[in-house]
Amino acid sequence: MSTERRDIVTGVVKIWATLLLLGTASLAYALLPGLPGKLPAALVIVIIQATLVLGGFMRLGQSSALVRTTVLVGVVWLSFLFLMTFADLWTR
C-alpha cells in the first residue's frame, strides 16, 4: 500500500474512531441521572461530530465552490423542511 493511500485510510479510521467515542460519550452523558447541562453538552458533541463529518469525510475544505454551495443549499432546504414540519405540528 502506498504512503498516500495509507495516510488517507489512517485519517479516515481516526475520524471514525473519534465519532464512535463522541457517540459513546453522548449516550453515557444522556443516561447518567442528575448531571447538569445535558442539552448544551449534547449540542456541543453534535457540532463536533458534524464538523468531523463535513471536514474529514466530505473534505469540504478542499472542495470546489460549487460543492460547498450545494452543501449550503442542502442545509438551508433541510432547515426549511424541519421548520414547516414543526409549524404544522405546533398549529394543530
N, C-alpha and C. Protein backbone atom coordinates (compact mmCIF):
# COMPACT_ATOMS: atom_id res chain seq x y z
N MET A 1 0.85 -1.17 0.00
CA MET A 1 0.00 0.00 0.00
C MET A 1 0.90 1.24 0.00
N SER A 2 0.56 2.19 -0.84
CA SER A 2 1.39 3.39 -0.94
C SER A 2 1.22 4.26 0.31
N THR A 3 2.16 5.15 0.50
CA THR A 3 2.14 6.03 1.67
C THR A 3 0.94 6.96 1.64
N GLU A 4 0.60 7.47 0.47
CA GLU A 4 -0.54 8.39 0.37
C GLU A 4 -1.84 7.67 0.72
N ARG A 5 -2.01 6.47 0.21
CA ARG A 5 -3.22 5.70 0.49
C ARG A 5 -3.28 5.34 1.98
N ARG A 6 -2.15 4.99 2.57
CA ARG A 6 -2.11 4.65 3.99
C ARG A 6 -2.48 5.86 4.84
N ASP A 7 -2.00 7.05 4.45
CA ASP A 7 -2.35 8.26 5.19
C ASP A 7 -3.84 8.55 5.12
N ILE A 8 -4.44 8.34 3.97
CA ILE A 8 -5.88 8.57 3.81
C ILE A 8 -6.66 7.60 4.67
N VAL A 9 -6.30 6.33 4.61
CA VAL A 9 -7.01 5.31 5.40
C VAL A 9 -6.84 5.57 6.89
N THR A 10 -5.64 5.92 7.32
CA THR A 10 -5.42 6.19 8.74
C THR A 10 -6.22 7.39 9.20
N GLY A 11 -6.30 8.42 8.38
CA GLY A 11 -7.09 9.60 8.74
C GLY A 11 -8.56 9.28 8.87
N VAL A 12 -9.08 8.50 7.95
CA VAL A 12 -10.50 8.13 7.99
C VAL A 12 -10.79 7.26 9.21
N VAL A 13 -9.90 6.34 9.53
CA VAL A 13 -10.10 5.48 10.70
C VAL A 13 -10.04 6.30 11.98
N LYS A 14 -9.15 7.28 12.04
CA LYS A 14 -9.08 8.15 13.22
C LYS A 14 -10.37 8.95 13.40
N ILE A 15 -10.90 9.48 12.30
CA ILE A 15 -12.15 10.24 12.36
C ILE A 15 -13.29 9.33 12.80
N TRP A 16 -13.34 8.13 12.24
CA TRP A 16 -14.38 7.16 12.59
C TRP A 16 -14.31 6.80 14.07
N ALA A 17 -13.10 6.56 14.58
CA ALA A 17 -12.94 6.22 16.00
C ALA A 17 -13.36 7.38 16.89
N THR A 18 -13.03 8.61 16.48
CA THR A 18 -13.43 9.78 17.25
C THR A 18 -14.94 9.93 17.26
N LEU A 19 -15.59 9.68 16.12
CA LEU A 19 -17.05 9.74 16.07
C LEU A 19 -17.68 8.69 16.98
N LEU A 20 -17.09 7.48 17.01
CA LEU A 20 -17.59 6.44 17.92
C LEU A 20 -17.43 6.85 19.38
N LEU A 21 -16.28 7.43 19.72
CA LEU A 21 -16.06 7.87 21.10
C LEU A 21 -17.03 8.99 21.49
N LEU A 22 -17.25 9.93 20.57
CA LEU A 22 -18.19 11.01 20.86
C LEU A 22 -19.62 10.50 20.99
N GLY A 23 -19.99 9.54 20.18
CA GLY A 23 -21.31 8.94 20.30
C GLY A 23 -21.48 8.21 21.62
N THR A 24 -20.45 7.50 22.04
CA THR A 24 -20.48 6.81 23.33
C THR A 24 -20.56 7.81 24.47
N ALA A 25 -19.80 8.89 24.37
CA ALA A 25 -19.84 9.92 25.42
C ALA A 25 -21.22 10.56 25.49
N SER A 26 -21.82 10.80 24.35
CA SER A 26 -23.16 11.38 24.31
C SER A 26 -24.18 10.45 24.95
N LEU A 27 -24.10 9.18 24.62
CA LEU A 27 -25.02 8.20 25.20
C LEU A 27 -24.82 8.08 26.70
N ALA A 28 -23.59 8.00 27.13
CA ALA A 28 -23.30 7.87 28.56
C ALA A 28 -23.78 9.10 29.33
N TYR A 29 -23.55 10.27 28.78
CA TYR A 29 -23.96 11.50 29.47
C TYR A 29 -25.48 11.61 29.53
N ALA A 30 -26.16 11.12 28.49
CA ALA A 30 -27.62 11.18 28.48
C ALA A 30 -28.23 10.19 29.46
N LEU A 31 -27.58 9.05 29.65
CA LEU A 31 -28.16 8.02 30.51
C LEU A 31 -27.83 8.19 31.98
N LEU A 32 -26.78 8.94 32.30
CA LEU A 32 -26.44 9.15 33.71
C LEU A 32 -27.40 10.16 34.33
N PRO A 33 -28.04 9.77 35.43
CA PRO A 33 -29.02 10.68 36.04
C PRO A 33 -28.37 11.79 36.85
N GLY A 34 -29.04 12.93 36.89
CA GLY A 34 -28.64 14.00 37.76
C GLY A 34 -27.50 14.89 37.28
N LEU A 35 -27.06 14.73 36.06
CA LEU A 35 -25.98 15.58 35.57
C LEU A 35 -26.55 16.88 34.99
N PRO A 36 -25.94 18.01 35.29
CA PRO A 36 -26.46 19.28 34.78
C PRO A 36 -26.04 19.53 33.33
N GLY A 37 -26.83 20.34 32.66
CA GLY A 37 -26.46 20.80 31.32
C GLY A 37 -26.43 19.73 30.26
N LYS A 38 -27.44 18.87 30.23
CA LYS A 38 -27.43 17.79 29.24
C LYS A 38 -27.62 18.34 27.82
N LEU A 39 -28.50 19.31 27.64
CA LEU A 39 -28.74 19.84 26.31
C LEU A 39 -27.51 20.56 25.75
N PRO A 40 -26.88 21.47 26.49
CA PRO A 40 -25.67 22.09 25.93
C PRO A 40 -24.55 21.09 25.63
N ALA A 41 -24.39 20.10 26.48
CA ALA A 41 -23.35 19.09 26.24
C ALA A 41 -23.66 18.30 24.98
N ALA A 42 -24.92 17.93 24.80
CA ALA A 42 -25.32 17.17 23.61
C ALA A 42 -25.12 18.02 22.35
N LEU A 43 -25.46 19.29 22.42
CA LEU A 43 -25.29 20.16 21.25
C LEU A 43 -23.82 20.35 20.89
N VAL A 44 -22.96 20.47 21.89
CA VAL A 44 -21.53 20.60 21.62
C VAL A 44 -21.00 19.33 20.96
N ILE A 45 -21.42 18.18 21.45
CA ILE A 45 -20.98 16.91 20.87
C ILE A 45 -21.46 16.78 19.43
N VAL A 46 -22.70 17.16 19.17
CA VAL A 46 -23.25 17.07 17.81
C VAL A 46 -22.52 18.02 16.87
N ILE A 47 -22.18 19.21 17.33
CA ILE A 47 -21.46 20.16 16.48
C ILE A 47 -20.07 19.62 16.15
N ILE A 48 -19.40 19.02 17.13
CA ILE A 48 -18.09 18.42 16.87
C ILE A 48 -18.21 17.28 15.87
N GLN A 49 -19.23 16.44 16.03
CA GLN A 49 -19.43 15.33 15.11
C GLN A 49 -19.72 15.82 13.69
N ALA A 50 -20.57 16.83 13.56
CA ALA A 50 -20.88 17.37 12.23
C ALA A 50 -19.64 17.98 11.59
N THR A 51 -18.82 18.65 12.38
CA THR A 51 -17.59 19.24 11.86
C THR A 51 -16.63 18.15 11.37
N LEU A 52 -16.55 17.06 12.13
CA LEU A 52 -15.69 15.95 11.70
C LEU A 52 -16.17 15.33 10.40
N VAL A 53 -17.48 15.16 10.28
CA VAL A 53 -18.02 14.55 9.05
C VAL A 53 -17.82 15.48 7.86
N LEU A 54 -18.16 16.76 8.04
CA LEU A 54 -18.04 17.71 6.93
C LEU A 54 -16.59 17.97 6.54
N GLY A 55 -15.73 18.10 7.52
CA GLY A 55 -14.33 18.40 7.22
C GLY A 55 -13.49 17.18 6.91
N GLY A 56 -13.77 16.08 7.58
CA GLY A 56 -12.95 14.89 7.42
C GLY A 56 -13.40 13.97 6.32
N PHE A 57 -14.66 13.53 6.39
CA PHE A 57 -15.14 12.60 5.39
C PHE A 57 -15.45 13.29 4.06
N MET A 58 -16.14 14.43 4.12
CA MET A 58 -16.54 15.10 2.89
C MET A 58 -15.45 16.01 2.33
N ARG A 59 -14.45 16.34 3.14
CA ARG A 59 -13.34 17.20 2.73
C ARG A 59 -13.81 18.50 2.06
N LEU A 60 -14.70 19.19 2.77
CA LEU A 60 -15.25 20.43 2.21
C LEU A 60 -14.21 21.52 2.10
N GLY A 61 -13.18 21.48 2.92
CA GLY A 61 -12.13 22.49 2.83
C GLY A 61 -11.36 22.41 1.53
N GLN A 62 -11.31 21.24 0.92
CA GLN A 62 -10.58 21.06 -0.33
C GLN A 62 -11.50 21.01 -1.53
N SER A 63 -12.81 21.14 -1.30
CA SER A 63 -13.78 21.03 -2.40
C SER A 63 -13.91 22.35 -3.15
N SER A 64 -14.54 22.25 -4.31
CA SER A 64 -14.77 23.45 -5.12
C SER A 64 -15.90 24.28 -4.51
N ALA A 65 -16.04 25.49 -5.00
CA ALA A 65 -17.09 26.38 -4.51
C ALA A 65 -18.47 25.83 -4.84
N LEU A 66 -18.59 25.14 -5.95
CA LEU A 66 -19.88 24.56 -6.33
C LEU A 66 -20.32 23.49 -5.33
N VAL A 67 -19.40 22.67 -4.88
CA VAL A 67 -19.74 21.62 -3.91
C VAL A 67 -20.13 22.25 -2.57
N ARG A 68 -19.38 23.25 -2.14
CA ARG A 68 -19.72 23.92 -0.88
C ARG A 68 -21.06 24.62 -0.96
N THR A 69 -21.34 25.23 -2.11
CA THR A 69 -22.64 25.88 -2.29
C THR A 69 -23.76 24.86 -2.27
N THR A 70 -23.55 23.71 -2.87
CA THR A 70 -24.56 22.66 -2.87
C THR A 70 -24.83 22.17 -1.45
N VAL A 71 -23.79 22.02 -0.65
CA VAL A 71 -23.97 21.62 0.75
C VAL A 71 -24.76 22.68 1.50
N LEU A 72 -24.45 23.93 1.29
CA LEU A 72 -25.16 25.02 1.96
C LEU A 72 -26.63 25.04 1.56
N VAL A 73 -26.91 24.88 0.29
CA VAL A 73 -28.29 24.85 -0.19
C VAL A 73 -29.04 23.66 0.41
N GLY A 74 -28.37 22.52 0.52
CA GLY A 74 -28.99 21.35 1.14
C GLY A 74 -29.34 21.59 2.60
N VAL A 75 -28.45 22.25 3.33
CA VAL A 75 -28.71 22.55 4.74
C VAL A 75 -29.87 23.54 4.87
N VAL A 76 -29.90 24.54 4.01
CA VAL A 76 -31.00 25.52 4.04
C VAL A 76 -32.32 24.83 3.73
N TRP A 77 -32.33 23.96 2.73
CA TRP A 77 -33.54 23.26 2.35
C TRP A 77 -34.01 22.33 3.47
N LEU A 78 -33.10 21.62 4.10
CA LEU A 78 -33.44 20.74 5.21
C LEU A 78 -34.00 21.55 6.39
N SER A 79 -33.41 22.71 6.65
CA SER A 79 -33.92 23.59 7.71
C SER A 79 -35.34 24.05 7.40
N PHE A 80 -35.58 24.38 6.16
CA PHE A 80 -36.92 24.79 5.73
C PHE A 80 -37.93 23.66 5.93
N LEU A 81 -37.55 22.44 5.59
CA LEU A 81 -38.45 21.30 5.76
C LEU A 81 -38.75 21.06 7.24
N PHE A 82 -37.73 21.15 8.10
CA PHE A 82 -37.97 21.00 9.53
C PHE A 82 -38.87 22.11 10.05
N LEU A 83 -38.63 23.33 9.61
CA LEU A 83 -39.44 24.46 10.04
C LEU A 83 -40.90 24.26 9.67
N MET A 84 -41.16 23.84 8.45
CA MET A 84 -42.54 23.64 8.02
C MET A 84 -43.19 22.46 8.75
N THR A 85 -42.43 21.43 9.02
CA THR A 85 -42.98 20.28 9.75
C THR A 85 -43.37 20.68 11.16
N PHE A 86 -42.47 21.39 11.85
CA PHE A 86 -42.79 21.81 13.21
C PHE A 86 -43.87 22.88 13.24
N ALA A 87 -43.95 23.72 12.24
CA ALA A 87 -45.03 24.71 12.18
C ALA A 87 -46.37 24.00 12.04
N ASP A 88 -46.42 22.94 11.27
CA ASP A 88 -47.64 22.16 11.13
C ASP A 88 -48.01 21.49 12.46
N LEU A 89 -47.02 20.94 13.13
CA LEU A 89 -47.30 20.28 14.41
C LEU A 89 -47.73 21.27 15.49
N TRP A 90 -47.11 22.44 15.52
CA TRP A 90 -47.43 23.42 16.56
C TRP A 90 -48.79 24.07 16.36
N THR A 91 -49.30 24.10 15.14
CA THR A 91 -50.58 24.76 14.90
C THR A 91 -51.76 23.80 15.00
N ARG A 92 -51.52 22.57 15.31
CA ARG A 92 -52.65 21.63 15.47
C ARG A 92 -53.12 21.58 16.89
